[in-house]
Amino acid sequence: MAQMTNDTGFNRAEELEALVVEDPTRPHEEDVRDLVCLADFLVPELHRDDGAEEAAEAVTEWADGDPFLLAEAEYIARDEHHDESAELLHLAVEVASAA
């Protein structure tokens, strides 16, 4: 596996995303689950200056700017009591909706 070069969650998530191969046969539920996991991973960014905006943009980019997919992931995160992840996903919905 490639060596991680930066210790911030945002940069590490970008590096991990670059390693993922798109699969058109992949079930929708896995995409939603991955968004929740990505948000869980990026939660520490909420506590950094400008981290929330950068993390929301990264999650939005991963979801190809699909506000419906992001909203679905936000719902799952809230349902599973991942409150900070849901907050991040909500920010991502706002970013995607504004675009």
PDB file of N, CA and C in Angstrom:
ATOM      1  N   MET A   1       0.850  -1.172   0.000  1.00  0.00           N
ATOM      2  CA  MET A   1       0.000   0.000   0.000  1.00  0.00           C
ATOM      3  C   MET A   1       0.894   1.233   0.000  1.00  0.00           C
ATOM      4  N   ALA A   2       0.440   2.297  -0.657  1.00  0.00           N
ATOM      5  CA  ALA A   2       1.221   3.530  -0.735  1.00  0.00           C
ATOM      6  C   ALA A   2       1.364   4.146   0.650  1.00  0.00           C
ATOM      7  N   GLN A   3       2.486   4.757   0.873  1.00  0.00           N
ATOM      8  CA  GLN A   3       2.737   5.379   2.165  1.00  0.00           C
ATOM      9  C   GLN A   3       1.935   6.668   2.278  1.00  0.00           C
ATOM     10  N   MET A   4       1.294   6.891   3.423  1.00  0.00           N
ATOM     11  CA  MET A   4       0.535   8.108   3.663  1.00  0.00           C
ATOM     12  C   MET A   4       1.521   9.234   3.954  1.00  0.00           C
ATOM     13  N   THR A   5       1.364  10.367   3.255  1.00  0.00           N
ATOM     14  CA  THR A   5       2.347  11.434   3.358  1.00  0.00           C
ATOM     15  C   THR A   5       1.955  12.544   4.318  1.00  0.00           C
ATOM     16  N   ASN A   6       0.690  12.695   4.641  1.00  0.00           N
ATOM     17  CA  ASN A   6       0.250  13.788   5.496  1.00  0.00           C
ATOM     18  C   ASN A   6      -0.653  13.223   6.582  1.00  0.00           C
ATOM     19  N   ASP A   7      -0.554  13.752   7.782  1.00  0.00           N
ATOM     20  CA  ASP A   7      -1.280  13.153   8.895  1.00  0.00           C
ATOM     21  C   ASP A   7      -2.684  13.704   9.097  1.00  0.00           C
ATOM     22  N   THR A   8      -3.139  14.690   8.319  1.00  0.00           N
ATOM     23  CA  THR A   8      -4.502  15.182   8.510  1.00  0.00           C
ATOM     24  C   THR A   8      -5.488  14.196   7.918  1.00  0.00           C
ATOM     25  N   GLY A   9      -6.637  14.077   8.535  1.00  0.00           N
ATOM     26  CA  GLY A   9      -7.662  13.162   8.056  1.00  0.00           C
ATOM     27  C   GLY A   9      -8.096  13.489   6.647  1.00  0.00           C
ATOM     28  N   PHE A  10      -8.198  14.775   6.332  1.00  0.00           N
ATOM     29  CA  PHE A  10      -8.626  15.193   5.002  1.00  0.00           C
ATOM     30  C   PHE A  10      -7.673  14.677   3.936  1.00  0.00           C
ATOM     31  N   ASN A  11      -6.391  14.893   4.121  1.00  0.00           N
ATOM     32  CA  ASN A  11      -5.409  14.454   3.126  1.00  0.00           C
ATOM     33  C   ASN A  11      -5.330  12.936   3.051  1.00  0.00           C
ATOM     34  N   ARG A  12      -5.426  12.272   4.179  1.00  0.00           N
ATOM     35  CA  ARG A  12      -5.394  10.804   4.172  1.00  0.00           C
ATOM     36  C   ARG A  12      -6.605  10.247   3.437  1.00  0.00           C
ATOM     37  N   ALA A  13      -7.771  10.864   3.622  1.00  0.00           N
ATOM     38  CA  ALA A  13      -8.977  10.396   2.935  1.00  0.00           C
ATOM     39  C   ALA A  13      -8.839  10.556   1.427  1.00  0.00           C
ATOM     40  N   GLU A  14      -8.253  11.666   1.001  1.00  0.00           N
ATOM     41  CA  GLU A  14      -8.034  11.859  -0.433  1.00  0.00           C
ATOM     42  C   GLU A  14      -7.111  10.787  -0.997  1.00  0.00           C
ATOM     43  N   GLU A  15      -6.060  10.460  -0.250  1.00  0.00           N
ATOM     44  CA  GLU A  15      -5.132   9.430  -0.703  1.00  0.00           C
ATOM     45  C   GLU A  15      -5.810   8.071  -0.772  1.00  0.00           C
ATOM     46  N   LEU A  16      -6.644   7.770   0.222  1.00  0.00           N
ATOM     47  CA  LEU A  16      -7.362   6.495   0.211  1.00  0.00           C
ATOM     48  C   LEU A  16      -8.352   6.434  -0.947  1.00  0.00           C
ATOM     49  N   GLU A  17      -9.037   7.552  -1.203  1.00  0.00           N
ATOM     50  CA  GLU A  17      -9.999   7.575  -2.294  1.00  0.00           C
ATOM     51  C   GLU A  17      -9.314   7.297  -3.624  1.00  0.00           C
ATOM     52  N   ALA A  18      -8.108   7.807  -3.789  1.00  0.00           N
ATOM     53  CA  ALA A  18      -7.366   7.601  -5.032  1.00  0.00           C
ATOM     54  C   ALA A  18      -7.063   6.124  -5.266  1.00  0.00           C
ATOM     55  N   LEU A  19      -7.063   5.328  -4.210  1.00  0.00           N
ATOM     56  CA  LEU A  19      -6.773   3.904  -4.335  1.00  0.00           C
ATOM     57  C   LEU A  19      -8.013   3.072  -4.697  1.00  0.00           C
ATOM     58  N   VAL A  20      -9.201   3.675  -4.568  1.00  0.00           N
ATOM     59  CA  VAL A  20     -10.452   2.956  -4.806  1.00  0.00           C
ATOM     60  C   VAL A  20     -10.753   2.938  -6.303  1.00  0.00           C
ATOM     61  N   VAL A  21     -11.085   1.770  -6.805  1.00  0.00           N
ATOM     62  CA  VAL A  21     -11.457   1.619  -8.207  1.00  0.00           C
ATOM     63  C   VAL A  21     -12.975   1.666  -8.301  1.00  0.00           C
ATOM     64  N   GLU A  22     -13.499   2.503  -9.206  1.00  0.00           N
ATOM     65  CA  GLU A  22     -14.951   2.584  -9.371  1.00  0.00           C
ATOM     66  C   GLU A  22     -15.482   1.290  -9.957  1.00  0.00           C
ATOM     67  N   ASP A  23     -16.595   0.829  -9.415  1.00  0.00           N
ATOM     68  CA  ASP A  23     -17.220  -0.405  -9.871  1.00  0.00           C
ATOM     69  C   ASP A  23     -18.693  -0.127 -10.141  1.00  0.00           C
ATOM     70  N   PRO A  24     -19.110  -0.101 -11.418  1.00  0.00           N
ATOM     71  CA  PRO A  24     -20.502   0.214 -11.743  1.00  0.00           C
ATOM     72  C   PRO A  24     -21.503  -0.829 -11.245  1.00  0.00           C
ATOM     73  N   THR A  25     -21.026  -2.012 -10.875  1.00  0.00           N
ATOM     74  CA  THR A  25     -21.935  -3.053 -10.384  1.00  0.00           C
ATOM     75  C   THR A  25     -22.069  -3.030  -8.863  1.00  0.00           C
ATOM     76  N   ARG A  26     -21.390  -2.090  -8.249  1.00  0.00           N
ATOM     77  CA  ARG A  26     -21.389  -2.002  -6.791  1.00  0.00           C
ATOM     78  C   ARG A  26     -22.773  -1.589  -6.271  1.00  0.00           C
ATOM     79  N   PRO A  27     -23.274  -2.256  -5.256  1.00  0.00           N
ATOM     80  CA  PRO A  27     -24.595  -1.914  -4.713  1.00  0.00           C
ATOM     81  C   PRO A  27     -24.636  -0.503  -4.112  1.00  0.00           C
ATOM     82  N   HIS A  28     -25.754   0.150  -4.305  1.00  0.00           N
ATOM     83  CA  HIS A  28     -25.977   1.503  -3.792  1.00  0.00           C
ATOM     84  C   HIS A  28     -25.748   1.569  -2.280  1.00  0.00           C
ATOM     85  N   GLU A  29     -26.182   0.552  -1.562  1.00  0.00           N
ATOM     86  CA  GLU A  29     -26.055   0.535  -0.108  1.00  0.00           C
ATOM     87  C   GLU A  29     -24.591   0.634   0.328  1.00  0.00           C
ATOM     88  N   GLU A  30     -23.699   0.061  -0.461  1.00  0.00           N
ATOM     89  CA  GLU A  30     -22.277   0.133  -0.122  1.00  0.00           C
ATOM     90  C   GLU A  30     -21.750   1.553  -0.289  1.00  0.00           C
ATOM     91  N   ASP A  31     -22.236   2.268  -1.308  1.00  0.00           N
ATOM     92  CA  ASP A  31     -21.847   3.667  -1.477  1.00  0.00           C
ATOM     93  C   ASP A  31     -22.306   4.506  -0.293  1.00  0.00           C
ATOM     94  N   VAL A  32     -23.530   4.277   0.153  1.00  0.00           N
ATOM     95  CA  VAL A  32     -24.062   5.016   1.302  1.00  0.00           C
ATOM     96  C   VAL A  32     -23.244   4.690   2.551  1.00  0.00           C
ATOM     97  N   ARG A  33     -22.978   3.416   2.775  1.00  0.00           N
ATOM     98  CA  ARG A  33     -22.189   2.989   3.936  1.00  0.00           C
ATOM     99  C   ARG A  33     -20.787   3.597   3.886  1.00  0.00           C
ATOM    100  N   ASP A  34     -20.184   3.620   2.703  1.00  0.00           N
ATOM    101  CA  ASP A  34     -18.856   4.210   2.575  1.00  0.00           C
ATOM    102  C   ASP A  34     -18.863   5.704   2.885  1.00  0.00           C
ATOM    103  N   LEU A  35     -19.924   6.396   2.510  1.00  0.00           N
ATOM    104  CA  LEU A  35     -20.021   7.821   2.834  1.00  0.00           C
ATOM    105  C   LEU A  35     -20.091   8.034   4.342  1.00  0.00           C
ATOM    106  N   VAL A  36     -20.853   7.195   5.035  1.00  0.00           N
ATOM    107  CA  VAL A  36     -20.928   7.291   6.494  1.00  0.00           C
ATOM    108  C   VAL A  36     -19.548   7.013   7.094  1.00  0.00           C
ATOM    109  N   CYS A  37     -18.864   6.003   6.600  1.00  0.00           N
ATOM    110  CA  CYS A  37     -17.522   5.674   7.106  1.00  0.00           C
ATOM    111  C   CYS A  37     -16.531   6.787   6.808  1.00  0.00           C
ATOM    112  N   LEU A  38     -16.615   7.376   5.620  1.00  0.00           N
ATOM    113  CA  LEU A  38     -15.734   8.492   5.275  1.00  0.00           C
ATOM    114  C   LEU A  38     -15.996   9.670   6.206  1.00  0.00           C
ATOM    115  N   ALA A  39     -17.262   9.942   6.471  1.00  0.00           N
ATOM    116  CA  ALA A  39     -17.600  11.027   7.400  1.00  0.00           C
ATOM    117  C   ALA A  39     -17.074  10.714   8.798  1.00  0.00           C
ATOM    118  N   ASP A  40     -17.214   9.467   9.246  1.00  0.00           N
ATOM    119  CA  ASP A  40     -16.666   9.065  10.552  1.00  0.00           C
ATOM    120  C   ASP A  40     -15.163   9.344  10.600  1.00  0.00           C
ATOM    121  N   PHE A  41     -14.493   9.009   9.518  1.00  0.00           N
ATOM    122  CA  PHE A  41     -13.047   9.184   9.432  1.00  0.00           C
ATOM    123  C   PHE A  41     -12.652  10.663   9.464  1.00  0.00           C
ATOM    124  N   LEU A  42     -13.487  11.508   8.853  1.00  0.00           N
ATOM    125  CA  LEU A  42     -13.159  12.936   8.742  1.00  0.00           C
ATOM    126  C   LEU A  42     -13.696  13.788   9.892  1.00  0.00           C
ATOM    127  N   VAL A  43     -14.415  13.202  10.825  1.00  0.00           N
ATOM    128  CA  VAL A  43     -14.976  13.960  11.948  1.00  0.00           C
ATOM    129  C   VAL A  43     -13.936  14.833  12.664  1.00  0.00           C
ATOM    130  N   PRO A  44     -12.720  14.368  12.900  1.00  0.00           N
ATOM    131  CA  PRO A  44     -11.749  15.246  13.574  1.00  0.00           C
ATOM    132  C   PRO A  44     -11.505  16.559  12.837  1.00  0.00           C
ATOM    133  N   GLU A  45     -11.759  16.582  11.537  1.00  0.00           N
ATOM    134  CA  GLU A  45     -11.576  17.816  10.769  1.00  0.00           C
ATOM    135  C   GLU A  45     -12.556  18.902  11.196  1.00  0.00           C
ATOM    136  N   LEU A  46     -13.686  18.510  11.787  1.00  0.00           N
ATOM    137  CA  LEU A  46     -14.667  19.496  12.258  1.00  0.00           C
ATOM    138  C   LEU A  46     -14.071  20.418  13.321  1.00  0.00           C
ATOM    139  N   HIS A  47     -13.011  19.965  13.972  1.00  0.00           N
ATOM    140  CA  HIS A  47     -12.417  20.723  15.078  1.00  0.00           C
ATOM    141  C   HIS A  47     -11.178  21.499  14.651  1.00  0.00           C
ATOM    142  N   ARG A  48     -10.900  21.543  13.372  1.00  0.00           N
ATOM    143  CA  ARG A  48      -9.762  22.311  12.850  1.00  0.00           C
ATOM    144  C   ARG A  48     -10.286  23.563  12.152  1.00  0.00           C
ATOM    145  N   ASP A  49      -9.450  24.606  12.091  1.00  0.00           N
ATOM    146  CA  ASP A  49      -9.814  25.804  11.345  1.00  0.00           C
ATOM    147  C   ASP A  49     -10.026  25.428   9.885  1.00  0.00           C
ATOM    148  N   ASP A  50     -11.160  25.786   9.335  1.00  0.00           N
ATOM    149  CA  ASP A  50     -11.542  25.494   7.949  1.00  0.00           C
ATOM    150  C   ASP A  50     -11.642  24.005   7.646  1.00  0.00           C
ATOM    151  N   GLY A  51     -11.483  23.171   8.648  1.00  0.00           N
ATOM    152  CA  GLY A  51     -11.543  21.724   8.431  1.00  0.00           C
ATOM    153  C   GLY A  51     -12.918  21.241   8.032  1.00  0.00           C
ATOM    154  N   ALA A  52     -13.966  21.816   8.621  1.00  0.00           N
ATOM    155  CA  ALA A  52     -15.329  21.377   8.314  1.00  0.00           C
ATOM    156  C   ALA A  52     -15.653  21.614   6.846  1.00  0.00           C
ATOM    157  N   GLU A  53     -15.277  22.789   6.351  1.00  0.00           N
ATOM    158  CA  GLU A  53     -15.546  23.102   4.947  1.00  0.00           C
ATOM    159  C   GLU A  53     -14.766  22.175   4.013  1.00  0.00           C
ATOM    160  N   GLU A  54     -13.496  21.954   4.327  1.00  0.00           N
ATOM    161  CA  GLU A  54     -12.683  21.068   3.494  1.00  0.00           C
ATOM    162  C   GLU A  54     -13.215  19.642   3.526  1.00  0.00           C
ATOM    163  N   ALA A  55     -13.595  19.177   4.700  1.00  0.00           N
ATOM    164  CA  ALA A  55     -14.121  17.817   4.824  1.00  0.00           C
ATOM    165  C   ALA A  55     -15.447  17.685   4.080  1.00  0.00           C
ATOM    166  N   ALA A  56     -16.317  18.692   4.202  1.00  0.00           N
ATOM    167  CA  ALA A  56     -17.601  18.658   3.492  1.00  0.00           C
ATOM    168  C   ALA A  56     -17.378  18.639   1.984  1.00  0.00           C
ATOM    169  N   GLU A  57     -16.411  19.401   1.508  1.00  0.00           N
ATOM    170  CA  GLU A  57     -16.104  19.409   0.080  1.00  0.00           C
ATOM    171  C   GLU A  57     -15.558  18.047  -0.368  1.00  0.00           C
ATOM    172  N   ALA A  58     -14.726  17.429   0.465  1.00  0.00           N
ATOM    173  CA  ALA A  58     -14.169  16.116   0.120  1.00  0.00           C
ATOM    174  C   ALA A  58     -15.273  15.062   0.049  1.00  0.00           C
ATOM    175  N   VAL A  59     -16.186  15.076   1.012  1.00  0.00           N
ATOM    176  CA  VAL A  59     -17.288  14.110   1.021  1.00  0.00           C
ATOM    177  C   VAL A  59     -18.200  14.361  -0.178  1.00  0.00           C
ATOM    178  N   THR A  60     -18.449  15.628  -0.484  1.00  0.00           N
ATOM    179  CA  THR A  60     -19.284  15.974  -1.642  1.00  0.00           C
ATOM    180  C   THR A  60     -18.640  15.485  -2.927  1.00  0.00           C
ATOM    181  N   GLU A  61     -17.341  15.681  -3.036  1.00  0.00           N
ATOM    182  CA  GLU A  61     -16.617  15.222  -4.221  1.00  0.00           C
ATOM    183  C   GLU A  61     -16.703  13.700  -4.344  1.00  0.00           C
ATOM    184  N   TRP A  62     -16.530  12.994  -3.230  1.00  0.00           N
ATOM    185  CA  TRP A  62     -16.594  11.532  -3.256  1.00  0.00           C
ATOM    186  C   TRP A  62     -17.962  11.072  -3.744  1.00  0.00           C
ATOM    187  N   ALA A  63     -19.012  11.818  -3.374  1.00  0.00           N
ATOM    188  CA  ALA A  63     -20.381  11.462  -3.763  1.00  0.00           C
ATOM    189  C   ALA A  63     -20.749  12.033  -5.131  1.00  0.00           C
ATOM    190  N   ASP A  64     -19.763  12.532  -5.849  1.00  0.00           N
ATOM    191  CA  ASP A  64     -19.990  13.136  -7.166  1.00  0.00           C
ATOM    192  C   ASP A  64     -21.050  14.240  -7.117  1.00  0.00           C
ATOM    193  N   GLY A  65     -21.097  14.952  -5.998  1.00  0.00           N
ATOM    194  CA  GLY A  65     -21.999  16.089  -5.863  1.00  0.00           C
ATOM    195  C   GLY A  65     -23.467  15.730  -5.790  1.00  0.00           C
ATOM    196  N   ASP A  66     -23.775  14.492  -5.453  1.00  0.00           N
ATOM    197  CA  ASP A  66     -25.167  14.023  -5.408  1.00  0.00           C
ATOM    198  C   ASP A  66     -25.775  14.339  -4.033  1.00  0.00           C
ATOM    199  N   PRO A  67     -26.609  15.390  -3.953  1.00  0.00           N
ATOM    200  CA  PRO A  67     -27.169  15.759  -2.643  1.00  0.00           C
ATOM    201  C   PRO A  67     -28.115  14.700  -2.072  1.00  0.00           C
ATOM    202  N   PHE A  68     -28.744  13.908  -2.939  1.00  0.00           N
ATOM    203  CA  PHE A  68     -29.660  12.866  -2.467  1.00  0.00           C
ATOM    204  C   PHE A  68     -28.887  11.713  -1.815  1.00  0.00           C
ATOM    205  N   LEU A  69     -27.775  11.339  -2.411  1.00  0.00           N
ATOM    206  CA  LEU A  69     -26.918  10.309  -1.828  1.00  0.00           C
ATOM    207  C   LEU A  69     -26.359  10.785  -0.490  1.00  0.00           C
ATOM    208  N   LEU A  70     -25.942  12.037  -0.436  1.00  0.00           N
ATOM    209  CA  LEU A  70     -25.408  12.599   0.809  1.00  0.00           C
ATOM    210  C   LEU A  70     -26.491  12.672   1.890  1.00  0.00           C
ATOM    211  N   ALA A  71     -27.695  13.053   1.504  1.00  0.00           N
ATOM    212  CA  ALA A  71     -28.795  13.132   2.472  1.00  0.00           C
ATOM    213  C   ALA A  71     -29.150  11.748   2.999  1.00  0.00           C
ATOM    214  N   GLU A  72     -29.092  10.753   2.134  1.00  0.00           N
ATOM    215  CA  GLU A  72     -29.355   9.378   2.573  1.00  0.00           C
ATOM    216  C   GLU A  72     -28.302   8.930   3.581  1.00  0.00           C
ATOM    217  N   ALA A  73     -27.036   9.254   3.303  1.00  0.00           N
ATOM    218  CA  ALA A  73     -25.966   8.906   4.237  1.00  0.00           C
ATOM    219  C   ALA A  73     -26.122   9.667   5.549  1.00  0.00           C
ATOM    220  N   GLU A  74     -26.554  10.925   5.471  1.00  0.00           N
ATOM    221  CA  GLU A  74     -26.790  11.709   6.694  1.00  0.00           C
ATOM    222  C   GLU A  74     -27.876  11.038   7.545  1.00  0.00           C
ATOM    223  N   TYR A  75     -28.950  10.598   6.904  1.00  0.00           N
ATOM    224  CA  TYR A  75     -30.031   9.929   7.625  1.00  0.00           C
ATOM    225  C   TYR A  75     -29.528   8.671   8.332  1.00  0.00           C
ATOM    226  N   ILE A  76     -28.738   7.869   7.618  1.00  0.00           N
ATOM    227  CA  ILE A  76     -28.188   6.636   8.209  1.00  0.00           C
ATOM    228  C   ILE A  76     -27.286   6.989   9.393  1.00  0.00           C
ATOM    229  N   ALA A  77     -26.437   7.985   9.220  1.00  0.00           N
ATOM    230  CA  ALA A  77     -25.536   8.385  10.304  1.00  0.00           C
ATOM    231  C   ALA A  77     -26.323   8.816  11.535  1.00  0.00           C
ATOM    232  N   ARG A  78     -27.362   9.625  11.336  1.00  0.00           N
ATOM    233  CA  ARG A  78     -28.185  10.062  12.479  1.00  0.00           C
ATOM    234  C   ARG A  78     -28.893   8.874  13.132  1.00  0.00           C
ATOM    235  N   ASP A  79     -29.405   7.983  12.298  1.00  0.00           N
ATOM    236  CA  ASP A  79     -30.122   6.813  12.799  1.00  0.00           C
ATOM    237  C   ASP A  79     -29.215   5.929  13.648  1.00  0.00           C
ATOM    238  N   GLU A  80     -27.928   5.897  13.298  1.00  0.00           N
ATOM    239  CA  GLU A  80     -26.968   5.071  14.024  1.00  0.00           C
ATOM    240  C   GLU A  80     -26.203   5.866  15.094  1.00  0.00           C
ATOM    241  N   HIS A  81     -26.686   7.071  15.382  1.00  0.00           N
ATOM    242  CA  HIS A  81     -26.128   7.924  16.444  1.00  0.00           C
ATOM    243  C   HIS A  81     -24.694   8.359  16.171  1.00  0.00           C
ATOM    244  N   HIS A  82     -24.382   8.574  14.923  1.00  0.00           N
ATOM    245  CA  HIS A  82     -23.089   9.146  14.531  1.00  0.00           C
ATOM    246  C   HIS A  82     -23.336  10.642  14.318  1.00  0.00           C
ATOM    247  N   ASP A  83     -23.575  11.363  15.420  1.00  0.00           N
ATOM    248  CA  ASP A  83     -24.031  12.747  15.319  1.00  0.00           C
ATOM    249  C   ASP A  83     -23.054  13.668  14.603  1.00  0.00           C
ATOM    250  N   GLU A  84     -21.777  13.563  14.909  1.00  0.00           N
ATOM    251  CA  GLU A  84     -20.818  14.443  14.242  1.00  0.00           C
ATOM    252  C   GLU A  84     -20.660  14.079  12.768  1.00  0.00           C
ATOM    253  N   SER A  85     -20.734  12.816  12.457  1.00  0.00           N
ATOM    254  CA  SER A  85     -20.690  12.402  11.052  1.00  0.00           C
ATOM    255  C   SER A  85     -21.913  12.920  10.309  1.00  0.00           C
ATOM    256  N   ALA A  86     -23.062  12.861  10.952  1.00  0.00           N
ATOM    257  CA  ALA A  86     -24.289  13.383  10.347  1.00  0.00           C
ATOM    258  C   ALA A  86     -24.173  14.889  10.129  1.00  0.00           C
ATOM    259  N   GLU A  87     -23.555  15.586  11.078  1.00  0.00           N
ATOM    260  CA  GLU A  87     -23.344  17.032  10.929  1.00  0.00           C
ATOM    261  C   GLU A  87     -22.468  17.307   9.699  1.00  0.00           C
ATOM    262  N   LEU A  88     -21.405  16.545   9.556  1.00  0.00           N
ATOM    263  CA  LEU A  88     -20.511  16.705   8.412  1.00  0.00           C
ATOM    264  C   LEU A  88     -21.248  16.393   7.111  1.00  0.00           C
ATOM    265  N   LEU A  89     -22.019  15.330   7.092  1.00  0.00           N
ATOM    266  CA  LEU A  89     -22.784  14.978   5.899  1.00  0.00           C
ATOM    267  C   LEU A  89     -23.833  16.035   5.576  1.00  0.00           C
ATOM    268  N   HIS A  90     -24.411  16.652   6.595  1.00  0.00           N
ATOM    269  CA  HIS A  90     -25.371  17.730   6.370  1.00  0.00           C
ATOM    270  C   HIS A  90     -24.683  18.920   5.692  1.00  0.00           C
ATOM    271  N   LEU A  91     -23.476  19.248   6.160  1.00  0.00           N
ATOM    272  CA  LEU A  91     -22.698  20.310   5.508  1.00  0.00           C
ATOM    273  C   LEU A  91     -22.437  19.952   4.047  1.00  0.00           C
ATOM    274  N   ALA A  92     -22.149  18.683   3.787  1.00  0.00           N
ATOM    275  CA  ALA A  92     -21.887  18.234   2.424  1.00  0.00           C
ATOM    276  C   ALA A  92     -23.145  18.350   1.563  1.00  0.00           C
ATOM    277  N   VAL A  93     -24.316  18.063   2.135  1.00  0.00           N
ATOM    278  CA  VAL A  93     -25.569  18.240   1.400  1.00  0.00           C
ATOM    279  C   VAL A  93     -25.724  19.699   1.010  1.00  0.00           C
ATOM    280  N   GLU A  94     -25.422  20.606   1.923  1.00  0.00           N
ATOM    281  CA  GLU A  94     -25.533  22.042   1.631  1.00  0.00           C
ATOM    282  C   GLU A  94     -24.556  22.447   0.535  1.00  0.00           C
ATOM    283  N   VAL A  95     -23.332  21.928   0.581  1.00  0.00           N
ATOM    284  CA  VAL A  95     -22.343  22.223  -0.458  1.00  0.00           C
ATOM    285  C   VAL A  95     -22.839  21.721  -1.817  1.00  0.00           C
ATOM    286  N   ALA A  96     -23.325  20.489  -1.853  1.00  0.00           N
ATOM    287  CA  ALA A  96     -23.798  19.901  -3.111  1.00  0.00           C
ATOM    288  C   ALA A  96     -25.021  20.633  -3.639  1.00  0.00           C
ATOM    289  N   SER A  97     -25.911  21.051  -2.759  1.00  0.00           N
ATOM    290  CA  SER A  97     -27.129  21.739  -3.181  1.00  0.00           C
ATOM    291  C   SER A  97     -26.834  23.142  -3.705  1.00  0.00           C
ATOM    292  N   ALA A  98     -25.787  23.753  -3.186  1.00  0.00           N
ATOM    293  CA  ALA A  98     -25.423  25.106  -3.611  1.00  0.00           C
ATOM    294  C   ALA A  98     -24.707  25.109  -4.961  1.00  0.00           C
ATOM    295  N   ALA A  99     -24.182  23.972  -5.344  1.00  0.00           N
ATOM    296  CA  ALA A  99     -23.407  23.907  -6.605  1.00  0.00           C
ATOM    297  C   ALA A  99     -24.296  23.911  -7.828  1.00  0.00           C
TER     298      ALA A  99
END
